[in-house]
Amino acid sequence: MAPRSLSPQTSTEIQALATLKAARVVAGDIEALRNALKDGSLSPRKRQKLKDDLLEAAERLCNLLDLLLSWLSMVSESIRDPLSNGIQDMRDRLLSTGVKLIGDKAQRLLDNANGALKGGFPLGLSFRMNEAATNLNSTVEALGGFDSMPDEVKEQLYQLNDMVDHLRHLEESFAFSQEFVDVEAPLFDANGNVIEPNSGP
């Protein structure tokens, strides 16, 4: 909660402090989820659900922090300093958890894509993968950018982006080939002449 001594003077400052309060609530949710994951008796399904909830909360917090950062230059110094400190504190606490979650999510997306390719080629997969990768990259940026990630996570992100490009190429190739499949092939008689549709013998 924002300190009582803070006195916002503009609508932007009021909005910024309200967003900071909301961000701290999400940070509390993240801490609760982290503690829940320490339970060694969790089933694999429950553990995965908690991890998914944790990543979703981390993404929400990253979005709120991005919003707060965009307002830093628009508020007075009396608001800017506590706002900046709050942003840095939450970013520091989120970093170690967020980095692991990013690596886990990138690997799971890769595994899902490889599994889908083995069973055929579901159309629209590249779009869904691209959307998921874009969301993940936004979280990476909020946590300090690609260069701040460990080498292992960087490699997973490289592979994920390569997979998205690969899927897009496959879909484009499939759509191109369908243009020829959908065109009715001409029929020929014994003399090699084209038989017009509905023409008699």
C-alpha atoms as a PDB file:
ATOM      1  CA  MET A   1       0.000   0.000   0.000  1.00  0.00           C
ATOM      2  CA  ALA A   2       1.267   3.507  -0.841  1.00  0.00           C
ATOM      3  CA  PRO A   3       2.598   5.511   2.115  1.00  0.00           C
ATOM      4  CA  ARG A   4       0.029   7.845   3.722  1.00  0.00           C
ATOM      5  CA  SER A   5       2.347  10.856   3.319  1.00  0.00           C
ATOM      6  CA  LEU A   6       2.027  10.721  -0.455  1.00  0.00           C
ATOM      7  CA  SER A   7      -0.367  13.331  -1.805  1.00  0.00           C
ATOM      8  CA  PRO A   8      -1.062  12.828  -5.520  1.00  0.00           C
ATOM      9  CA  GLN A   9      -1.966  16.082  -7.255  1.00  0.00           C
ATOM     10  CA  THR A  10      -2.902  14.925 -10.762  1.00  0.00           C
ATOM     11  CA  SER A  11      -5.033  12.186 -12.260  1.00  0.00           C
ATOM     12  CA  THR A  12      -1.855  10.482 -13.526  1.00  0.00           C
ATOM     13  CA  GLU A  13      -0.353  10.439 -10.023  1.00  0.00           C
ATOM     14  CA  ILE A  14      -3.592   9.045  -8.573  1.00  0.00           C
ATOM     15  CA  GLN A  15      -3.608   6.381 -11.288  1.00  0.00           C
ATOM     16  CA  ALA A  16       0.069   5.576 -10.723  1.00  0.00           C
ATOM     17  CA  LEU A  17      -0.373   5.029  -6.984  1.00  0.00           C
ATOM     18  CA  ALA A  18      -3.484   2.910  -7.540  1.00  0.00           C
ATOM     19  CA  THR A  19      -1.547   0.796 -10.046  1.00  0.00           C
ATOM     20  CA  LEU A  20       1.366   0.466  -7.614  1.00  0.00           C
ATOM     21  CA  LYS A  21      -1.069  -0.814  -4.990  1.00  0.00           C
ATOM     22  CA  ALA A  22      -2.527  -3.310  -7.496  1.00  0.00           C
ATOM     23  CA  ALA A  23       0.993  -4.448  -8.418  1.00  0.00           C
ATOM     24  CA  ARG A  24       1.791  -5.123  -4.773  1.00  0.00           C
ATOM     25  CA  VAL A  25      -1.351  -7.250  -4.484  1.00  0.00           C
ATOM     26  CA  VAL A  26      -0.235  -9.322  -7.477  1.00  0.00           C
ATOM     27  CA  ALA A  27       3.263  -9.578  -5.947  1.00  0.00           C
ATOM     28  CA  GLY A  28       1.597 -10.994  -2.810  1.00  0.00           C
ATOM     29  CA  ASP A  29      -0.275 -13.538  -4.943  1.00  0.00           C
ATOM     30  CA  ILE A  30       3.025 -14.591  -6.506  1.00  0.00           C
ATOM     31  CA  GLU A  31       4.594 -15.097  -3.090  1.00  0.00           C
ATOM     32  CA  ALA A  32       1.613 -17.212  -1.987  1.00  0.00           C
ATOM     33  CA  LEU A  33       1.870 -19.371  -5.124  1.00  0.00           C
ATOM     34  CA  ARG A  34       5.617 -19.837  -4.599  1.00  0.00           C
ATOM     35  CA  ASN A  35       4.980 -21.014  -1.049  1.00  0.00           C
ATOM     36  CA  ALA A  36       2.248 -23.386  -2.238  1.00  0.00           C
ATOM     37  CA  LEU A  37       4.692 -24.973  -4.695  1.00  0.00           C
ATOM     38  CA  LYS A  38       6.994 -25.923  -1.806  1.00  0.00           C
ATOM     39  CA  ASP A  39       4.503 -28.619  -0.779  1.00  0.00           C
ATOM     40  CA  GLY A  40       6.204 -31.916  -1.643  1.00  0.00           C
ATOM     41  CA  SER A  41       2.913 -33.837  -1.657  1.00  0.00           C
ATOM     42  CA  LEU A  42       1.464 -31.998  -4.667  1.00  0.00           C
ATOM     43  CA  SER A  43       0.313 -34.144  -7.572  1.00  0.00           C
ATOM     44  CA  PRO A  44       2.010 -33.438 -10.932  1.00  0.00           C
ATOM     45  CA  ARG A  45      -1.255 -32.014 -12.273  1.00  0.00           C
ATOM     46  CA  LYS A  46      -1.725 -29.669  -9.292  1.00  0.00           C
ATOM     47  CA  ARG A  47       1.920 -28.599  -9.423  1.00  0.00           C
ATOM     48  CA  GLN A  48       1.605 -27.732 -13.115  1.00  0.00           C
ATOM     49  CA  LYS A  49      -1.597 -25.773 -12.435  1.00  0.00           C
ATOM     50  CA  LEU A  50       0.183 -23.744  -9.744  1.00  0.00           C
ATOM     51  CA  LYS A  51       3.093 -23.082 -12.133  1.00  0.00           C
ATOM     52  CA  ASP A  52       0.658 -21.902 -14.813  1.00  0.00           C
ATOM     53  CA  ASP A  53      -1.070 -19.618 -12.286  1.00  0.00           C
ATOM     54  CA  LEU A  54       2.327 -18.322 -11.177  1.00  0.00           C
ATOM     55  CA  LEU A  55       3.409 -17.490 -14.717  1.00  0.00           C
ATOM     56  CA  GLU A  56       0.079 -15.777 -15.384  1.00  0.00           C
ATOM     57  CA  ALA A  57       0.496 -13.691 -12.214  1.00  0.00           C
ATOM     58  CA  ALA A  58       4.106 -12.881 -13.194  1.00  0.00           C
ATOM     59  CA  GLU A  59       2.921 -11.709 -16.620  1.00  0.00           C
ATOM     60  CA  ARG A  60       0.259  -9.521 -14.989  1.00  0.00           C
ATOM     61  CA  LEU A  61       2.852  -8.006 -12.673  1.00  0.00           C
ATOM     62  CA  CYS A  62       5.206  -7.348 -15.585  1.00  0.00           C
ATOM     63  CA  ASN A  63       2.409  -5.525 -17.432  1.00  0.00           C
ATOM     64  CA  LEU A  64       1.691  -3.388 -14.357  1.00  0.00           C
ATOM     65  CA  LEU A  65       5.390  -2.593 -13.912  1.00  0.00           C
ATOM     66  CA  ASP A  66       5.635  -1.559 -17.578  1.00  0.00           C
ATOM     67  CA  LEU A  67       2.682   0.764 -17.061  1.00  0.00           C
ATOM     68  CA  LEU A  68       4.266   2.264 -13.955  1.00  0.00           C
ATOM     69  CA  LEU A  69       7.559   2.807 -15.765  1.00  0.00           C
ATOM     70  CA  SER A  70       5.746   4.727 -18.511  1.00  0.00           C
ATOM     71  CA  TRP A  71       4.413   7.152 -15.877  1.00  0.00           C
ATOM     72  CA  LEU A  72       7.676   7.851 -14.038  1.00  0.00           C
ATOM     73  CA  SER A  73       8.497  10.921 -16.106  1.00  0.00           C
ATOM     74  CA  MET A  74       4.944  12.248 -15.787  1.00  0.00           C
ATOM     75  CA  VAL A  75       4.733  12.526 -11.984  1.00  0.00           C
ATOM     76  CA  SER A  76       6.256  14.906  -9.469  1.00  0.00           C
ATOM     77  CA  GLU A  77       9.471  14.054  -7.644  1.00  0.00           C
ATOM     78  CA  SER A  78       7.594  13.372  -4.387  1.00  0.00           C
ATOM     79  CA  ILE A  79       5.686  10.590  -6.166  1.00  0.00           C
ATOM     80  CA  ARG A  80       8.475   9.526  -8.542  1.00  0.00           C
ATOM     81  CA  ASP A  81      10.944   8.374  -5.892  1.00  0.00           C
ATOM     82  CA  PRO A  82       8.641   5.990  -3.976  1.00  0.00           C
ATOM     83  CA  LEU A  83       7.183   4.815  -7.293  1.00  0.00           C
ATOM     84  CA  SER A  84      10.646   4.040  -8.667  1.00  0.00           C
ATOM     85  CA  ASN A  85      11.644   2.256  -5.448  1.00  0.00           C
ATOM     86  CA  GLY A  86       8.477   0.176  -5.503  1.00  0.00           C
ATOM     87  CA  ILE A  87       9.047  -0.826  -9.125  1.00  0.00           C
ATOM     88  CA  GLN A  88      12.653  -1.851  -8.444  1.00  0.00           C
ATOM     89  CA  ASP A  89      11.727  -3.820  -5.329  1.00  0.00           C
ATOM     90  CA  MET A  90       9.034  -5.848  -7.117  1.00  0.00           C
ATOM     91  CA  ARG A  91      11.225  -6.375 -10.187  1.00  0.00           C
ATOM     92  CA  ASP A  92      14.061  -7.712  -8.009  1.00  0.00           C
ATOM     93  CA  ARG A  93      11.730 -10.107  -6.176  1.00  0.00           C
ATOM     94  CA  LEU A  94      10.185 -11.293  -9.434  1.00  0.00           C
ATOM     95  CA  LEU A  95      13.444 -11.797 -11.336  1.00  0.00           C
ATOM     96  CA  SER A  96      14.575 -15.203 -10.033  1.00  0.00           C
ATOM     97  CA  THR A  97      11.065 -16.675 -10.148  1.00  0.00           C
ATOM     98  CA  GLY A  98      10.266 -15.094 -13.502  1.00  0.00           C
ATOM     99  CA  VAL A  99      13.418 -16.354 -15.212  1.00  0.00           C
ATOM    100  CA  LYS A 100      12.711 -19.970 -14.216  1.00  0.00           C
ATOM    101  CA  LEU A 101       9.089 -19.660 -15.310  1.00  0.00           C
ATOM    102  CA  ILE A 102      10.158 -18.241 -18.678  1.00  0.00           C
ATOM    103  CA  GLY A 103      12.470 -21.203 -19.262  1.00  0.00           C
ATOM    104  CA  ASP A 104       9.770 -23.696 -18.226  1.00  0.00           C
ATOM    105  CA  LYS A 105       7.144 -22.056 -20.455  1.00  0.00           C
ATOM    106  CA  ALA A 106       9.462 -21.862 -23.479  1.00  0.00           C
ATOM    107  CA  GLN A 107      10.349 -25.556 -23.129  1.00  0.00           C
ATOM    108  CA  ARG A 108       6.700 -26.554 -22.756  1.00  0.00           C
ATOM    109  CA  LEU A 109       5.732 -24.609 -25.874  1.00  0.00           C
ATOM    110  CA  LEU A 110       8.526 -26.335 -27.794  1.00  0.00           C
ATOM    111  CA  ASP A 111       7.443 -29.764 -26.529  1.00  0.00           C
ATOM    112  CA  ASN A 112       3.811 -29.071 -27.470  1.00  0.00           C
ATOM    113  CA  ALA A 113       4.777 -27.923 -30.963  1.00  0.00           C
ATOM    114  CA  ASN A 114       7.004 -30.952 -31.568  1.00  0.00           C
ATOM    115  CA  GLY A 115       4.247 -33.251 -30.323  1.00  0.00           C
ATOM    116  CA  ALA A 116       1.692 -31.613 -32.616  1.00  0.00           C
ATOM    117  CA  LEU A 117       3.999 -31.969 -35.628  1.00  0.00           C
ATOM    118  CA  LYS A 118       4.419 -35.694 -35.004  1.00  0.00           C
ATOM    119  CA  GLY A 119       0.672 -36.199 -35.256  1.00  0.00           C
ATOM    120  CA  GLY A 120       0.192 -34.161 -38.424  1.00  0.00           C
ATOM    121  CA  PHE A 121       0.090 -30.439 -38.966  1.00  0.00           C
ATOM    122  CA  PRO A 122      -2.741 -28.548 -37.259  1.00  0.00           C
ATOM    123  CA  LEU A 123      -3.453 -25.324 -39.149  1.00  0.00           C
ATOM    124  CA  GLY A 124      -3.293 -22.195 -37.011  1.00  0.00           C
ATOM    125  CA  LEU A 125      -0.550 -23.618 -34.802  1.00  0.00           C
ATOM    126  CA  SER A 126       1.972 -20.997 -35.929  1.00  0.00           C
ATOM    127  CA  PHE A 127      -0.438 -18.194 -34.972  1.00  0.00           C
ATOM    128  CA  ARG A 128      -1.039 -19.630 -31.497  1.00  0.00           C
ATOM    129  CA  MET A 129       2.671 -20.255 -30.986  1.00  0.00           C
ATOM    130  CA  ASN A 130       3.543 -16.749 -32.151  1.00  0.00           C
ATOM    131  CA  GLU A 131       1.007 -15.242 -29.739  1.00  0.00           C
ATOM    132  CA  ALA A 132       2.403 -17.281 -26.830  1.00  0.00           C
ATOM    133  CA  ALA A 133       6.005 -16.406 -27.780  1.00  0.00           C
ATOM    134  CA  THR A 134       5.118 -12.700 -28.022  1.00  0.00           C
ATOM    135  CA  ASN A 135       3.607 -12.764 -24.513  1.00  0.00           C
ATOM    136  CA  LEU A 136       6.682 -14.554 -23.209  1.00  0.00           C
ATOM    137  CA  ASN A 137       9.018 -12.035 -24.857  1.00  0.00           C
ATOM    138  CA  SER A 138       7.055  -9.194 -23.235  1.00  0.00           C
ATOM    139  CA  THR A 139       7.707 -10.787 -19.841  1.00  0.00           C
ATOM    140  CA  VAL A 140      11.394 -11.121 -20.721  1.00  0.00           C
ATOM    141  CA  GLU A 141      11.570  -7.399 -21.569  1.00  0.00           C
ATOM    142  CA  ALA A 142       9.864  -6.435 -18.302  1.00  0.00           C
ATOM    143  CA  LEU A 143      12.449  -8.469 -16.376  1.00  0.00           C
ATOM    144  CA  GLY A 144      15.425  -6.715 -17.936  1.00  0.00           C
ATOM    145  CA  GLY A 145      15.498  -7.929 -21.524  1.00  0.00           C
ATOM    146  CA  PHE A 146      16.971 -10.888 -23.405  1.00  0.00           C
ATOM    147  CA  ASP A 147      20.578 -10.112 -22.431  1.00  0.00           C
ATOM    148  CA  SER A 148      19.713 -10.411 -18.733  1.00  0.00           C
ATOM    149  CA  MET A 149      18.537 -14.009 -19.158  1.00  0.00           C
ATOM    150  CA  PRO A 150      20.805 -16.995 -18.309  1.00  0.00           C
ATOM    151  CA  ASP A 151      22.376 -18.758 -21.294  1.00  0.00           C
ATOM    152  CA  GLU A 152      20.087 -21.779 -20.940  1.00  0.00           C
ATOM    153  CA  VAL A 153      16.964 -19.603 -21.118  1.00  0.00           C
ATOM    154  CA  LYS A 154      18.415 -17.632 -24.039  1.00  0.00           C
ATOM    155  CA  GLU A 155      18.867 -20.893 -25.943  1.00  0.00           C
ATOM    156  CA  GLN A 156      15.266 -21.932 -25.209  1.00  0.00           C
ATOM    157  CA  LEU A 157      14.006 -18.571 -26.449  1.00  0.00           C
ATOM    158  CA  TYR A 158      16.121 -18.880 -29.608  1.00  0.00           C
ATOM    159  CA  GLN A 159      14.641 -22.336 -30.230  1.00  0.00           C
ATOM    160  CA  LEU A 160      11.127 -21.062 -29.606  1.00  0.00           C
ATOM    161  CA  ASN A 161      11.494 -18.227 -32.121  1.00  0.00           C
ATOM    162  CA  ASP A 162      13.000 -20.656 -34.651  1.00  0.00           C
ATOM    163  CA  MET A 163      10.044 -23.007 -34.125  1.00  0.00           C
ATOM    164  CA  VAL A 164       7.564 -20.189 -34.756  1.00  0.00           C
ATOM    165  CA  ASP A 165       9.371 -19.337 -38.020  1.00  0.00           C
ATOM    166  CA  HIS A 166       9.429 -23.026 -38.993  1.00  0.00           C
ATOM    167  CA  LEU A 167       5.694 -23.427 -38.370  1.00  0.00           C
ATOM    168  CA  ARG A 168       4.905 -20.258 -40.302  1.00  0.00           C
ATOM    169  CA  HIS A 169       6.966 -21.519 -43.248  1.00  0.00           C
ATOM    170  CA  LEU A 170       5.153 -24.888 -43.168  1.00  0.00           C
ATOM    171  CA  GLU A 171       1.752 -23.194 -43.162  1.00  0.00           C
ATOM    172  CA  GLU A 172       2.713 -20.892 -46.028  1.00  0.00           C
ATOM    173  CA  SER A 173       3.998 -23.891 -48.025  1.00  0.00           C
ATOM    174  CA  PHE A 174       0.805 -25.811 -47.292  1.00  0.00           C
ATOM    175  CA  ALA A 175      -1.394 -22.888 -48.387  1.00  0.00           C
ATOM    176  CA  PHE A 176       0.671 -22.535 -51.598  1.00  0.00           C
ATOM    177  CA  SER A 177       0.327 -26.234 -52.442  1.00  0.00           C
ATOM    178  CA  GLN A 178      -3.427 -26.120 -51.804  1.00  0.00           C
ATOM    179  CA  GLU A 179      -3.791 -23.525 -54.551  1.00  0.00           C
ATOM    180  CA  PHE A 180      -2.851 -26.263 -57.006  1.00  0.00           C
ATOM    181  CA  VAL A 181      -4.813 -29.037 -55.303  1.00  0.00           C
ATOM    182  CA  ASP A 182      -8.000 -26.971 -55.403  1.00  0.00           C
ATOM    183  CA  VAL A 183      -7.736 -26.414 -59.171  1.00  0.00           C
ATOM    184  CA  GLU A 184      -9.570 -29.213 -61.000  1.00  0.00           C
ATOM    185  CA  ALA A 185      -7.131 -31.203 -63.099  1.00  0.00           C
ATOM    186  CA  PRO A 186      -8.092 -31.474 -66.803  1.00  0.00           C
ATOM    187  CA  LEU A 187      -9.117 -34.847 -68.256  1.00  0.00           C
ATOM    188  CA  PHE A 188      -7.667 -36.151 -71.519  1.00  0.00           C
ATOM    189  CA  ASP A 189      -9.007 -38.625 -74.071  1.00  0.00           C
ATOM    190  CA  ALA A 190      -6.975 -41.393 -75.692  1.00  0.00           C
ATOM    191  CA  ASN A 191      -5.663 -38.933 -78.280  1.00  0.00           C
ATOM    192  CA  GLY A 192      -4.419 -36.481 -75.681  1.00  0.00           C
ATOM    193  CA  ASN A 193      -7.211 -33.979 -76.248  1.00  0.00           C
ATOM    194  CA  VAL A 194      -8.754 -32.160 -73.277  1.00  0.00           C
ATOM    195  CA  ILE A 195     -12.260 -33.405 -72.487  1.00  0.00           C
ATOM    196  CA  GLU A 196     -14.488 -30.444 -71.686  1.00  0.00           C
ATOM    197  CA  PRO A 197     -16.718 -30.852 -68.619  1.00  0.00           C
ATOM    198  CA  ASN A 198     -20.152 -32.311 -69.440  1.00  0.00           C
ATOM    199  CA  SER A 199     -19.053 -32.999 -73.032  1.00  0.00           C
ATOM    200  CA  GLY A 200     -20.338 -36.168 -74.598  1.00  0.00           C
ATOM    201  CA  PRO A 201     -18.305 -38.977 -76.176  1.00  0.00           C
END
